[in-house]
C-alpha atoms as a PDB file:
ATOM      1  CA  UNK A   1    -107.421 -17.523  -6.174  1.00  0.00           C
ATOM      2  CA  UNK A   2    -106.017 -14.592  -8.085  1.00  0.00           C
ATOM      3  CA  UNK A   3    -105.335 -12.726  -4.834  1.00  0.00           C
ATOM      4  CA  UNK A   4    -103.386 -15.651  -3.374  1.00  0.00           C
ATOM      5  CA  UNK A   5    -100.849 -15.893  -6.209  1.00  0.00           C
ATOM      6  CA  UNK A   6     -98.629 -13.004  -5.048  1.00  0.00           C
ATOM      7  CA  UNK A   7     -98.504 -14.479  -1.555  1.00  0.00           C
ATOM      8  CA  UNK A   8     -97.491 -17.881  -2.874  1.00  0.00           C
ATOM      9  CA  UNK A   9     -94.816 -16.294  -5.062  1.00  0.00           C
ATOM     10  CA  UNK A  10     -93.480 -14.376  -2.067  1.00  0.00           C
ATOM     11  CA  UNK A  11     -93.252 -17.569   0.003  1.00  0.00           C
ATOM     12  CA  UNK A  12     -91.391 -19.364  -2.753  1.00  0.00           C
ATOM     13  CA  UNK A  13     -88.964 -16.440  -3.068  1.00  0.00           C
ATOM     14  CA  UNK A  14     -88.289 -16.388   0.696  1.00  0.00           C
ATOM     15  CA  UNK A  15     -87.774 -20.156   0.734  1.00  0.00           C
ATOM     16  CA  UNK A  16     -85.290 -19.957  -2.148  1.00  0.00           C
ATOM     17  CA  UNK A  17     -83.465 -17.081  -0.454  1.00  0.00           C
ATOM     18  CA  UNK A  18     -83.097 -19.052   2.787  1.00  0.00           C
ATOM     19  CA  UNK A  19     -81.665 -22.031   0.922  1.00  0.00           C
ATOM     20  CA  UNK A  20     -79.229 -19.765  -0.923  1.00  0.00           C
ATOM     21  CA  UNK A  21     -78.117 -18.224   2.376  1.00  0.00           C
ATOM     22  CA  UNK A  22     -77.495 -21.697   3.822  1.00  0.00           C
ATOM     23  CA  UNK A  23     -75.457 -22.651   0.736  1.00  0.00           C
ATOM     24  CA  UNK A  24     -73.405 -19.451   1.041  1.00  0.00           C
ATOM     25  CA  UNK A  25     -72.706 -20.159   4.713  1.00  0.00           C
ATOM     26  CA  UNK A  26     -71.679 -23.696   3.845  1.00  0.00           C
ATOM     27  CA  UNK A  27     -69.299 -22.505   1.130  1.00  0.00           C
ATOM     28  CA  UNK A  28     -67.787 -19.919   3.480  1.00  0.00           C
ATOM     29  CA  UNK A  29     -67.329 -22.587   6.133  1.00  0.00           C
ATOM     30  CA  UNK A  30     -65.618 -24.937   3.677  1.00  0.00           C
ATOM     31  CA  UNK A  31     -63.218 -22.216   2.590  1.00  0.00           C
ATOM     32  CA  UNK A  32     -61.988 -21.814   6.172  1.00  0.00           C
ATOM     33  CA  UNK A  33     -60.971 -25.468   6.470  1.00  0.00           C
ATOM     34  CA  UNK A  34     -57.162 -25.833   6.440  1.00  0.00           C
ATOM     35  CA  UNK A  35     -56.304 -28.620   3.973  1.00  0.00           C
ATOM     36  CA  UNK A  36     -52.868 -29.022   5.605  1.00  0.00           C
ATOM     37  CA  UNK A  37     -54.335 -29.768   9.039  1.00  0.00           C
ATOM     38  CA  UNK A  38     -54.390 -33.547   8.801  1.00  0.00           C
ATOM     39  CA  UNK A  39     -53.986 -34.507  12.440  1.00  0.00           C
ATOM     40  CA  UNK A  40     -50.833 -36.439  11.460  1.00  0.00           C
ATOM     41  CA  UNK A  41     -47.782 -34.889  13.121  1.00  0.00           C
ATOM     42  CA  UNK A  42     -44.718 -35.397  10.875  1.00  0.00           C
ATOM     43  CA  UNK A  43     -42.263 -33.953  13.424  1.00  0.00           C
ATOM     44  CA  UNK A  44     -39.093 -35.865  14.259  1.00  0.00           C
ATOM     45  CA  UNK A  45     -36.012 -35.665  16.469  1.00  0.00           C
ATOM     46  CA  UNK A  46     -32.709 -37.149  15.375  1.00  0.00           C
ATOM     47  CA  UNK A  47     -28.973 -37.348  15.909  1.00  0.00           C
ATOM     48  CA  UNK A  48     -27.009 -36.388  12.788  1.00  0.00           C
ATOM     49  CA  UNK A  49     -23.412 -37.575  12.894  1.00  0.00           C
ATOM     50  CA  UNK A  50     -20.541 -36.230  10.837  1.00  0.00           C
ATOM     51  CA  UNK A  51     -16.865 -36.888  10.377  1.00  0.00           C
ATOM     52  CA  UNK A  52     -14.885 -34.330  12.345  1.00  0.00           C
ATOM     53  CA  UNK A  53     -11.383 -33.138  11.598  1.00  0.00           C
ATOM     54  CA  UNK A  54      -8.269 -34.507  13.245  1.00  0.00           C
ATOM     55  CA  UNK A  55      -8.142 -32.741  16.622  1.00  0.00           C
ATOM     56  CA  UNK A  56      -4.351 -32.656  16.438  1.00  0.00           C
ATOM     57  CA  UNK A  57      -4.536 -30.122  13.597  1.00  0.00           C
ATOM     58  CA  UNK A  58      -3.580 -26.618  14.680  1.00  0.00           C
ATOM     59  CA  UNK A  59      -5.936 -24.960  12.202  1.00  0.00           C
ATOM     60  CA  UNK A  60      -9.017 -27.145  12.520  1.00  0.00           C
ATOM     61  CA  UNK A  61     -10.515 -27.592   9.033  1.00  0.00           C
ATOM     62  CA  UNK A  62      -8.458 -24.976   7.198  1.00  0.00           C
ATOM     63  CA  UNK A  63      -7.121 -26.499   3.981  1.00  0.00           C
ATOM     64  CA  UNK A  64      -9.589 -29.389   3.962  1.00  0.00           C
ATOM     65  CA  UNK A  65     -11.711 -30.302   0.973  1.00  0.00           C
ATOM     66  CA  UNK A  66     -15.345 -29.250   0.993  1.00  0.00           C
ATOM     67  CA  UNK A  67     -18.432 -30.394  -0.927  1.00  0.00           C
ATOM     68  CA  UNK A  68     -20.347 -27.276  -1.947  1.00  0.00           C
ATOM     69  CA  UNK A  69     -23.487 -29.332  -2.718  1.00  0.00           C
ATOM     70  CA  UNK A  70     -23.823 -30.173   0.980  1.00  0.00           C
ATOM     71  CA  UNK A  71     -25.081 -28.080   3.876  1.00  0.00           C
ATOM     72  CA  UNK A  72     -23.867 -24.518   4.276  1.00  0.00           C
ATOM     73  CA  UNK A  73     -20.548 -24.322   6.202  1.00  0.00           C
ATOM     74  CA  UNK A  74     -21.220 -27.689   7.814  1.00  0.00           C
ATOM     75  CA  UNK A  75     -18.673 -30.262   9.066  1.00  0.00           C
ATOM     76  CA  UNK A  76     -20.649 -33.019   7.327  1.00  0.00           C
ATOM     77  CA  UNK A  77     -19.641 -31.430   4.021  1.00  0.00           C
ATOM     78  CA  UNK A  78     -15.881 -31.446   4.732  1.00  0.00           C
ATOM     79  CA  UNK A  79     -13.720 -33.995   2.961  1.00  0.00           C
ATOM     80  CA  UNK A  80     -10.056 -35.083   3.071  1.00  0.00           C
ATOM     81  CA  UNK A  81      -7.235 -32.608   3.561  1.00  0.00           C
ATOM     82  CA  UNK A  82      -5.797 -30.929   0.444  1.00  0.00           C
ATOM     83  CA  UNK A  83      -3.381 -28.252   1.708  1.00  0.00           C
ATOM     84  CA  UNK A  84      -0.448 -28.974   4.018  1.00  0.00           C
ATOM     85  CA  UNK A  85      -1.115 -25.889   6.138  1.00  0.00           C
ATOM     86  CA  UNK A  86       1.555 -26.800   8.673  1.00  0.00           C
ATOM     87  CA  UNK A  87       4.265 -26.873   5.985  1.00  0.00           C
ATOM     88  CA  UNK A  88       3.068 -23.535   4.627  1.00  0.00           C
ATOM     89  CA  UNK A  89       3.161 -22.067   8.113  1.00  0.00           C
ATOM     90  CA  UNK A  90       6.636 -23.468   8.792  1.00  0.00           C
ATOM     91  CA  UNK A  91       7.927 -21.766   5.643  1.00  0.00           C
ATOM     92  CA  UNK A  92       6.612 -18.421   6.877  1.00  0.00           C
ATOM     93  CA  UNK A  93       3.374 -18.380   4.915  1.00  0.00           C
ATOM     94  CA  UNK A  94       0.738 -15.826   5.850  1.00  0.00           C
ATOM     95  CA  UNK A  95      -1.927 -17.513   7.966  1.00  0.00           C
ATOM     96  CA  UNK A  96      -4.428 -15.424   9.887  1.00  0.00           C
ATOM     97  CA  UNK A  97      -5.697 -16.765  13.182  1.00  0.00           C
ATOM     98  CA  UNK A  98      -7.787 -15.149  15.875  1.00  0.00           C
ATOM     99  CA  UNK A  99      -9.088 -16.697  19.087  1.00  0.00           C
ATOM    100  CA  UNK A 100     -11.409 -13.906  20.181  1.00  0.00           C
ATOM    101  CA  UNK A 101     -14.940 -15.142  20.883  1.00  0.00           C
ATOM    102  CA  UNK A 102     -17.988 -13.518  19.352  1.00  0.00           C
ATOM    103  CA  UNK A 103     -21.619 -14.440  18.781  1.00  0.00           C
ATOM    104  CA  UNK A 104     -24.944 -13.508  17.278  1.00  0.00           C
ATOM    105  CA  UNK A 105     -27.149 -14.128  14.250  1.00  0.00           C
ATOM    106  CA  UNK A 106     -25.007 -14.496  11.134  1.00  0.00           C
ATOM    107  CA  UNK A 107     -26.482 -15.971   7.971  1.00  0.00           C
ATOM    108  CA  UNK A 108     -30.052 -14.774   7.305  1.00  0.00           C
ATOM    109  CA  UNK A 109     -32.024 -15.999   4.284  1.00  0.00           C
ATOM    110  CA  UNK A 110     -35.524 -15.317   2.972  1.00  0.00           C
ATOM    111  CA  UNK A 111     -37.627 -16.217  -0.078  1.00  0.00           C
ATOM    112  CA  UNK A 112     -37.663 -19.043  -2.570  1.00  0.00           C
ATOM    113  CA  UNK A 113     -34.914 -21.656  -2.409  1.00  0.00           C
ATOM    114  CA  UNK A 114     -33.058 -20.119  -5.368  1.00  0.00           C
ATOM    115  CA  UNK A 115     -32.937 -16.711  -3.668  1.00  0.00           C
ATOM    116  CA  UNK A 116     -31.696 -18.248  -0.426  1.00  0.00           C
ATOM    117  CA  UNK A 117     -28.918 -20.115  -2.252  1.00  0.00           C
ATOM    118  CA  UNK A 118     -27.791 -16.869  -3.849  1.00  0.00           C
ATOM    119  CA  UNK A 119     -27.357 -15.340  -0.391  1.00  0.00           C
ATOM    120  CA  UNK A 120     -25.513 -18.394   0.932  1.00  0.00           C
ATOM    121  CA  UNK A 121     -23.255 -18.646  -2.098  1.00  0.00           C
ATOM    122  CA  UNK A 122     -22.250 -15.001  -1.962  1.00  0.00           C
ATOM    123  CA  UNK A 123     -21.360 -15.399   1.724  1.00  0.00           C
ATOM    124  CA  UNK A 124     -19.182 -18.427   0.870  1.00  0.00           C
ATOM    125  CA  UNK A 125     -17.363 -16.429  -1.794  1.00  0.00           C
ATOM    126  CA  UNK A 126     -18.860 -17.914  -4.961  1.00  0.00           C
ATOM    127  CA  UNK A 127     -19.093 -15.653  -7.982  1.00  0.00           C
ATOM    128  CA  UNK A 128     -22.349 -14.566  -9.599  1.00  0.00           C
ATOM    129  CA  UNK A 129     -21.361 -16.615 -12.638  1.00  0.00           C
ATOM    130  CA  UNK A 130     -20.971 -19.777 -10.551  1.00  0.00           C
ATOM    131  CA  UNK A 131     -24.291 -19.212  -8.776  1.00  0.00           C
ATOM    132  CA  UNK A 132     -26.078 -18.748 -12.099  1.00  0.00           C
ATOM    133  CA  UNK A 133     -24.375 -21.733 -13.701  1.00  0.00           C
ATOM    134  CA  UNK A 134     -24.693 -24.548 -11.152  1.00  0.00           C
ATOM    135  CA  UNK A 135     -27.939 -26.095  -9.899  1.00  0.00           C
ATOM    136  CA  UNK A 136     -26.718 -28.163  -6.948  1.00  0.00           C
ATOM    137  CA  UNK A 137     -25.011 -25.576  -4.709  1.00  0.00           C
ATOM    138  CA  UNK A 138     -25.967 -26.083  -1.037  1.00  0.00           C
ATOM    139  CA  UNK A 139     -28.924 -28.260  -2.048  1.00  0.00           C
ATOM    140  CA  UNK A 140     -28.537 -30.524   1.006  1.00  0.00           C
ATOM    141  CA  UNK A 141     -29.435 -27.583   3.276  1.00  0.00           C
ATOM    142  CA  UNK A 142     -33.000 -27.772   1.973  1.00  0.00           C
ATOM    143  CA  UNK A 143     -33.201 -31.385   0.824  1.00  0.00           C
ATOM    144  CA  UNK A 144     -32.558 -33.150   4.123  1.00  0.00           C
ATOM    145  CA  UNK A 145     -34.251 -30.797   6.625  1.00  0.00           C
ATOM    146  CA  UNK A 146     -37.843 -31.639   5.626  1.00  0.00           C
ATOM    147  CA  UNK A 147     -37.439 -34.952   3.841  1.00  0.00           C
ATOM    148  CA  UNK A 148     -40.270 -36.621   5.797  1.00  0.00           C
ATOM    149  CA  UNK A 149     -42.856 -33.989   4.868  1.00  0.00           C
ATOM    150  CA  UNK A 150     -43.725 -33.757   1.174  1.00  0.00           C
ATOM    151  CA  UNK A 151     -47.159 -32.143   1.598  1.00  0.00           C
ATOM    152  CA  UNK A 152     -46.149 -28.627   0.515  1.00  0.00           C
ATOM    153  CA  UNK A 153     -47.395 -27.161  -2.763  1.00  0.00           C
ATOM    154  CA  UNK A 154     -45.675 -23.757  -2.763  1.00  0.00           C
ATOM    155  CA  UNK A 155     -42.716 -23.078  -0.509  1.00  0.00           C
ATOM    156  CA  UNK A 156     -40.956 -20.009   0.840  1.00  0.00           C
ATOM    157  CA  UNK A 157     -38.114 -20.159   3.343  1.00  0.00           C
ATOM    158  CA  UNK A 158     -36.899 -18.040   6.225  1.00  0.00           C
ATOM    159  CA  UNK A 159     -33.693 -18.846   8.024  1.00  0.00           C
ATOM    160  CA  UNK A 160     -31.168 -17.582  10.520  1.00  0.00           C
ATOM    161  CA  UNK A 161     -28.015 -19.113  12.006  1.00  0.00           C
ATOM    162  CA  UNK A 162     -27.090 -18.198  15.563  1.00  0.00           C
ATOM    163  CA  UNK A 163     -23.296 -18.519  15.802  1.00  0.00           C
ATOM    164  CA  UNK A 164     -20.750 -18.638  18.606  1.00  0.00           C
ATOM    165  CA  UNK A 165     -17.277 -18.209  17.073  1.00  0.00           C
ATOM    166  CA  UNK A 166     -14.319 -19.589  19.000  1.00  0.00           C
ATOM    167  CA  UNK A 167     -11.627 -18.924  16.391  1.00  0.00           C
ATOM    168  CA  UNK A 168     -11.027 -17.706  12.843  1.00  0.00           C
ATOM    169  CA  UNK A 169      -8.386 -19.114  10.479  1.00  0.00           C
ATOM    170  CA  UNK A 170      -7.455 -18.024   6.982  1.00  0.00           C
ATOM    171  CA  UNK A 171      -4.853 -18.242   4.263  1.00  0.00           C
ATOM    172  CA  UNK A 172      -4.716 -14.681   3.005  1.00  0.00           C
ATOM    173  CA  UNK A 173      -1.899 -14.819   0.447  1.00  0.00           C
ATOM    174  CA  UNK A 174      -2.143 -17.803  -1.874  1.00  0.00           C
ATOM    175  CA  UNK A 175       0.203 -18.223  -4.840  1.00  0.00           C
ATOM    176  CA  UNK A 176      -1.437 -21.164  -6.596  1.00  0.00           C
ATOM    177  CA  UNK A 177       1.711 -22.131  -8.494  1.00  0.00           C
ATOM    178  CA  UNK A 178       3.613 -22.306  -5.208  1.00  0.00           C
ATOM    179  CA  UNK A 179       0.856 -24.325  -3.540  1.00  0.00           C
ATOM    180  CA  UNK A 180       0.720 -26.749  -6.472  1.00  0.00           C
ATOM    181  CA  UNK A 181       4.462 -27.385  -6.135  1.00  0.00           C
ATOM    182  CA  UNK A 182       5.068 -27.264  -2.380  1.00  0.00           C
ATOM    183  CA  UNK A 183       1.999 -27.261  -0.157  1.00  0.00           C
ATOM    184  CA  UNK A 184      -0.349 -30.070  -1.161  1.00  0.00           C
ATOM    185  CA  UNK A 185      -0.703 -33.087   1.136  1.00  0.00           C
ATOM    186  CA  UNK A 186       1.101 -36.237   0.002  1.00  0.00           C
ATOM    187  CA  UNK A 187      -2.214 -38.099  -0.020  1.00  0.00           C
ATOM    188  CA  UNK A 188      -3.798 -35.562  -2.392  1.00  0.00           C
ATOM    189  CA  UNK A 189      -0.780 -35.577  -4.722  1.00  0.00           C
ATOM    190  CA  UNK A 190      -0.766 -39.374  -4.815  1.00  0.00           C
ATOM    191  CA  UNK A 191      -4.501 -39.529  -5.484  1.00  0.00           C
ATOM    192  CA  UNK A 192      -4.152 -37.064  -8.370  1.00  0.00           C
ATOM    193  CA  UNK A 193      -1.830 -39.603  -9.988  1.00  0.00           C
ATOM    194  CA  UNK A 194      -3.864 -42.722  -9.290  1.00  0.00           C
ATOM    195  CA  UNK A 195      -7.548 -41.742  -9.060  1.00  0.00           C
ATOM    196  CA  UNK A 196     -10.108 -40.668 -11.632  1.00  0.00           C
ATOM    197  CA  UNK A 197     -11.536 -37.149 -11.562  1.00  0.00           C
ATOM    198  CA  UNK A 198     -14.851 -38.472 -10.169  1.00  0.00           C
ATOM    199  CA  UNK A 199     -12.968 -40.253  -7.392  1.00  0.00           C
ATOM    200  CA  UNK A 200     -11.087 -37.055  -6.529  1.00  0.00           C
ATOM    201  CA  UNK A 201     -14.420 -35.198  -6.166  1.00  0.00           C
ATOM    202  CA  UNK A 202     -15.758 -37.991  -3.929  1.00  0.00           C
ATOM    203  CA  UNK A 203     -12.645 -37.974  -1.707  1.00  0.00           C
ATOM    204  CA  UNK A 204     -11.861 -34.254  -1.567  1.00  0.00           C
ATOM    205  CA  UNK A 205     -15.061 -32.459  -2.569  1.00  0.00           C
ATOM    206  CA  UNK A 206     -15.452 -29.576  -4.969  1.00  0.00           C
ATOM    207  CA  UNK A 207     -13.627 -26.784  -3.108  1.00  0.00           C
ATOM    208  CA  UNK A 208     -10.928 -26.187  -0.520  1.00  0.00           C
ATOM    209  CA  UNK A 209     -11.565 -24.276   2.724  1.00  0.00           C
ATOM    210  CA  UNK A 210      -9.561 -21.071   2.612  1.00  0.00           C
ATOM    211  CA  UNK A 211     -11.001 -18.802   5.344  1.00  0.00           C
ATOM    212  CA  UNK A 212     -13.217 -20.202   8.078  1.00  0.00           C
ATOM    213  CA  UNK A 213     -14.848 -19.596  11.453  1.00  0.00           C
ATOM    214  CA  UNK A 214     -14.981 -22.464  13.940  1.00  0.00           C
ATOM    215  CA  UNK A 215     -17.246 -22.691  16.958  1.00  0.00           C
ATOM    216  CA  UNK A 216     -20.848 -23.678  17.539  1.00  0.00           C
ATOM    217  CA  UNK A 217     -23.975 -22.896  15.535  1.00  0.00           C
ATOM    218  CA  UNK A 218     -27.724 -23.296  15.778  1.00  0.00           C
ATOM    219  CA  UNK A 219     -29.517 -23.292  12.422  1.00  0.00           C
ATOM    220  CA  UNK A 220     -33.189 -22.313  12.294  1.00  0.00           C
ATOM    221  CA  UNK A 221     -34.879 -22.990   8.951  1.00  0.00           C
ATOM    222  CA  UNK A 222     -38.582 -22.253   8.611  1.00  0.00           C
ATOM    223  CA  UNK A 223     -40.748 -22.886   5.572  1.00  0.00           C
ATOM    224  CA  UNK A 224     -44.304 -21.854   4.830  1.00  0.00           C
ATOM    225  CA  UNK A 225     -46.772 -21.564   1.962  1.00  0.00           C
ATOM    226  CA  UNK A 226     -47.701 -17.860   2.187  1.00  0.00           C
ATOM    227  CA  UNK A 227     -45.034 -15.486   0.937  1.00  0.00           C
ATOM    228  CA  UNK A 228     -47.040 -12.417   1.908  1.00  0.00           C
ATOM    229  CA  UNK A 229     -46.961 -12.895   5.662  1.00  0.00           C
ATOM    230  CA  UNK A 230     -45.041 -16.070   6.467  1.00  0.00           C
ATOM    231  CA  UNK A 231     -41.865 -14.186   7.421  1.00  0.00           C
ATOM    232  CA  UNK A 232     -43.692 -12.396  10.226  1.00  0.00           C
ATOM    233  CA  UNK A 233     -44.481 -15.699  11.897  1.00  0.00           C
ATOM    234  CA  UNK A 234     -40.932 -17.098  11.937  1.00  0.00           C
ATOM    235  CA  UNK A 235     -39.166 -15.529  14.928  1.00  0.00           C
ATOM    236  CA  UNK A 236     -41.932 -14.240  17.247  1.00  0.00           C
ATOM    237  CA  UNK A 237     -43.781 -17.568  17.481  1.00  0.00           C
ATOM    238  CA  UNK A 238     -40.798 -19.943  17.571  1.00  0.00           C
ATOM    239  CA  UNK A 239     -40.547 -19.910  21.374  1.00  0.00           C
ATOM    240  CA  UNK A 240     -43.812 -21.868  21.532  1.00  0.00           C
ATOM    241  CA  UNK A 241     -42.076 -24.850  19.962  1.00  0.00           C
ATOM    242  CA  UNK A 242     -38.322 -24.609  20.539  1.00  0.00           C
ATOM    243  CA  UNK A 243     -35.813 -22.986  22.901  1.00  0.00           C
ATOM    244  CA  UNK A 244     -33.381 -21.315  22.680  1.00  0.00           C
ATOM    245  CA  UNK A 245     -34.434 -18.957  19.925  1.00  0.00           C
ATOM    246  CA  UNK A 246     -32.123 -16.714  17.882  1.00  0.00           C
ATOM    247  CA  UNK A 247     -31.298 -13.302  19.296  1.00  0.00           C
ATOM    248  CA  UNK A 248     -33.287 -11.332  16.751  1.00  0.00           C
ATOM    249  CA  UNK A 249     -36.413  -9.254  17.365  1.00  0.00           C
ATOM    250  CA  UNK A 250     -39.582  -8.896  15.320  1.00  0.00           C
ATOM    251  CA  UNK A 251     -43.100  -7.693  16.100  1.00  0.00           C
ATOM    252  CA  UNK A 252     -45.869 -10.106  17.006  1.00  0.00           C
ATOM    253  CA  UNK A 253     -47.769 -10.878  13.798  1.00  0.00           C
ATOM    254  CA  UNK A 254     -51.317  -9.544  13.369  1.00  0.00           C
ATOM    255  CA  UNK A 255     -52.172 -11.390  10.186  1.00  0.00           C
ATOM    256  CA  UNK A 256     -53.449 -14.956  10.060  1.00  0.00           C
ATOM    257  CA  UNK A 257     -50.847 -17.691  10.248  1.00  0.00           C
ATOM    258  CA  UNK A 258     -49.792 -19.498   7.052  1.00  0.00           C
ATOM    259  CA  UNK A 259     -51.852 -22.627   6.370  1.00  0.00           C
ATOM    260  CA  UNK A 260     -48.719 -24.794   6.388  1.00  0.00           C
ATOM    261  CA  UNK A 261     -45.572 -24.304   8.478  1.00  0.00           C
ATOM    262  CA  UNK A 262     -42.482 -26.397   9.334  1.00  0.00           C
ATOM    263  CA  UNK A 263     -39.503 -25.507  11.500  1.00  0.00           C
ATOM    264  CA  UNK A 264     -36.170 -27.350  11.316  1.00  0.00           C
ATOM    265  CA  UNK A 265     -33.476 -26.710  13.933  1.00  0.00           C
ATOM    266  CA  UNK A 266     -29.971 -28.181  13.927  1.00  0.00           C
ATOM    267  CA  UNK A 267     -27.181 -27.781  16.470  1.00  0.00           C
ATOM    268  CA  UNK A 268     -23.774 -27.841  14.797  1.00  0.00           C
ATOM    269  CA  UNK A 269     -21.044 -28.528  17.349  1.00  0.00           C
ATOM    270  CA  UNK A 270     -21.324 -29.323  21.047  1.00  0.00           C
ATOM    271  CA  UNK A 271     -21.900 -32.812  22.439  1.00  0.00           C
ATOM    272  CA  UNK A 272     -22.341 -35.101  19.456  1.00  0.00           C
ATOM    273  CA  UNK A 273     -23.988 -37.800  21.590  1.00  0.00           C
ATOM    274  CA  UNK A 274     -27.143 -35.764  22.253  1.00  0.00           C
ATOM    275  CA  UNK A 275     -29.980 -35.144  19.738  1.00  0.00           C
ATOM    276  CA  UNK A 276     -28.923 -32.338  17.444  1.00  0.00           C
ATOM    277  CA  UNK A 277     -31.749 -32.108  14.900  1.00  0.00           C
ATOM    278  CA  UNK A 278     -35.440 -31.352  15.287  1.00  0.00           C
ATOM    279  CA  UNK A 279     -38.115 -30.928  12.621  1.00  0.00           C
ATOM    280  CA  UNK A 280     -41.381 -29.522  13.931  1.00  0.00           C
ATOM    281  CA  UNK A 281     -44.528 -29.862  11.827  1.00  0.00           C
ATOM    282  CA  UNK A 282     -46.005 -26.653  13.251  1.00  0.00           C
ATOM    283  CA  UNK A 283     -49.383 -27.070  11.535  1.00  0.00           C
ATOM    284  CA  UNK A 284     -50.018 -30.462  13.136  1.00  0.00           C
ATOM    285  CA  UNK A 285     -47.678 -30.345  16.146  1.00  0.00           C
ATOM    286  CA  UNK A 286     -48.914 -32.199  19.235  1.00  0.00           C
ATOM    287  CA  UNK A 287     -45.763 -32.386  21.353  1.00  0.00           C
ATOM    288  CA  UNK A 288     -44.359 -30.227  24.117  1.00  0.00           C
ATOM    289  CA  UNK A 289     -41.893 -27.373  23.616  1.00  0.00           C
ATOM    290  CA  UNK A 290     -38.395 -28.680  22.872  1.00  0.00           C
ATOM    291  CA  UNK A 291     -35.520 -27.286  24.953  1.00  0.00           C
ATOM    292  CA  UNK A 292     -31.926 -27.935  23.891  1.00  0.00           C
ATOM    293  CA  UNK A 293     -29.402 -28.007  26.729  1.00  0.00           C
ATOM    294  CA  UNK A 294     -26.332 -28.165  24.474  1.00  0.00           C
ATOM    295  CA  UNK A 295     -26.266 -24.596  23.189  1.00  0.00           C
ATOM    296  CA  UNK A 296     -23.388 -22.446  24.478  1.00  0.00           C
ATOM    297  CA  UNK A 297     -21.541 -25.550  25.626  1.00  0.00           C
ATOM    298  CA  UNK A 298     -18.390 -24.466  23.812  1.00  0.00           C
ATOM    299  CA  UNK A 299     -14.837 -25.669  24.453  1.00  0.00           C
ATOM    300  CA  UNK A 300     -11.627 -26.263  22.563  1.00  0.00           C
ATOM    301  CA  UNK A 301     -12.618 -29.833  21.792  1.00  0.00           C
ATOM    302  CA  UNK A 302     -16.182 -29.080  20.645  1.00  0.00           C
ATOM    303  CA  UNK A 303     -15.809 -26.331  18.007  1.00  0.00           C
ATOM    304  CA  UNK A 304     -16.215 -27.178  14.373  1.00  0.00           C
ATOM    305  CA  UNK A 305     -16.735 -25.414  11.054  1.00  0.00           C
ATOM    306  CA  UNK A 306     -19.595 -22.907  11.419  1.00  0.00           C
ATOM    307  CA  UNK A 307     -19.088 -20.187   8.794  1.00  0.00           C
ATOM    308  CA  UNK A 308     -17.047 -18.866   5.914  1.00  0.00           C
ATOM    309  CA  UNK A 309     -14.987 -15.749   6.613  1.00  0.00           C
ATOM    310  CA  UNK A 310     -15.196 -12.407   4.789  1.00  0.00           C
ATOM    311  CA  UNK A 311     -17.066 -13.842   1.777  1.00  0.00           C
ATOM    312  CA  UNK A 312     -13.878 -15.615   0.729  1.00  0.00           C
ATOM    313  CA  UNK A 313     -14.245 -19.033   2.294  1.00  0.00           C
ATOM    314  CA  UNK A 314     -13.619 -21.494  -0.533  1.00  0.00           C
ATOM    315  CA  UNK A 315     -11.625 -21.970  -3.714  1.00  0.00           C
ATOM    316  CA  UNK A 316     -12.388 -24.561  -6.463  1.00  0.00           C
ATOM    317  CA  UNK A 317     -10.321 -27.699  -6.061  1.00  0.00           C
ATOM    318  CA  UNK A 318      -9.216 -27.872  -9.703  1.00  0.00           C
ATOM    319  CA  UNK A 319      -7.153 -24.711  -9.176  1.00  0.00           C
ATOM    320  CA  UNK A 320      -4.667 -26.807  -7.179  1.00  0.00           C
ATOM    321  CA  UNK A 321      -3.939 -29.121 -10.119  1.00  0.00           C
ATOM    322  CA  UNK A 322      -0.883 -28.250 -12.194  1.00  0.00           C
ATOM    323  CA  UNK A 323      -1.114 -30.854 -14.974  1.00  0.00           C
ATOM    324  CA  UNK A 324      -3.422 -29.369 -17.629  1.00  0.00           C
ATOM    325  CA  UNK A 325      -4.871 -32.705 -18.749  1.00  0.00           C
ATOM    326  CA  UNK A 326      -5.762 -33.727 -15.204  1.00  0.00           C
ATOM    327  CA  UNK A 327      -7.092 -30.243 -14.460  1.00  0.00           C
ATOM    328  CA  UNK A 328      -9.408 -30.322 -17.473  1.00  0.00           C
ATOM    329  CA  UNK A 329     -10.718 -33.761 -16.489  1.00  0.00           C
ATOM    330  CA  UNK A 330     -11.350 -32.484 -12.979  1.00  0.00           C
ATOM    331  CA  UNK A 331     -13.142 -29.387 -14.290  1.00  0.00           C
ATOM    332  CA  UNK A 332     -15.454 -31.614 -16.367  1.00  0.00           C
ATOM    333  CA  UNK A 333     -16.222 -33.823 -13.334  1.00  0.00           C
ATOM    334  CA  UNK A 334     -16.719 -30.686 -11.217  1.00  0.00           C
ATOM    335  CA  UNK A 335     -19.199 -29.218 -13.714  1.00  0.00           C
ATOM    336  CA  UNK A 336     -21.183 -32.460 -13.946  1.00  0.00           C
ATOM    337  CA  UNK A 337     -21.283 -32.922 -10.175  1.00  0.00           C
ATOM    338  CA  UNK A 338     -22.488 -29.364  -9.553  1.00  0.00           C
ATOM    339  CA  UNK A 339     -25.276 -29.743 -12.115  1.00  0.00           C
ATOM    340  CA  UNK A 340     -24.090 -27.617 -15.008  1.00  0.00           C
END
């Protein structure tokens, strides 16, 4: 009996070791399961409509009001006209206009939402002080794109806008005192006398478009939950889900894909009757590759606001108000609306 004890102990040890190995394998297997792979595809295709400018205007949306809490350089964020650009031009005012076509990737963003907004705000011409002060700048760019997918826990963004510019317009010399007296639209002047500050913001937005590009734009906004390697998966794998892709080049990623990925694409301009927005739930996508036929379908009737020019695209609307009491009321409404 004494001789058998070591053998029994050895068997018990081997049995315990085998069970431990099975448990380790099970744990390893569980760790590889992607919690974001649910089998429920949250992708969607939509038509997003927006109010376009009066096509009889010679300068498209130059001088129109603009809501800086909306999407970046987007016609849906334009509001009613503030500056009488035609009167300024007739009096010999300095207006820059160029009809030379150009194209390529313009706005590129990367990182957390706050970092991306800094990049966008600087391109629009906002000061560092404004970007630090206000919480709602360009929030609609991120809020609406993925509104039907709330499964993310930690989010980083990558984005690029492919732009075809048909024309550029800008007011390069602006004497605010002169504009306050002579070059505001009659509707804006009347509303300053009869509307509250909140109503002015609702009708005319927070800023006025000063220098703009018009044309056609395709926005690609990608989000993921792995900051370390998510950026590498943005451009080189997009063709599997959507065409056309932006004209940028990156190497094929070697690292594992992020556990969770979404891609939102929006066509700004072109035929407004066709679908112009697609959100692809890459992690759970079950559909076929989407191909947009509208891109590069540019004409004089299709172009719209697509970018701000020379990092000097907008000016706060309260700067066009001469009466100090009304200006102060508008500044207070402006601050509250932008999330001070």
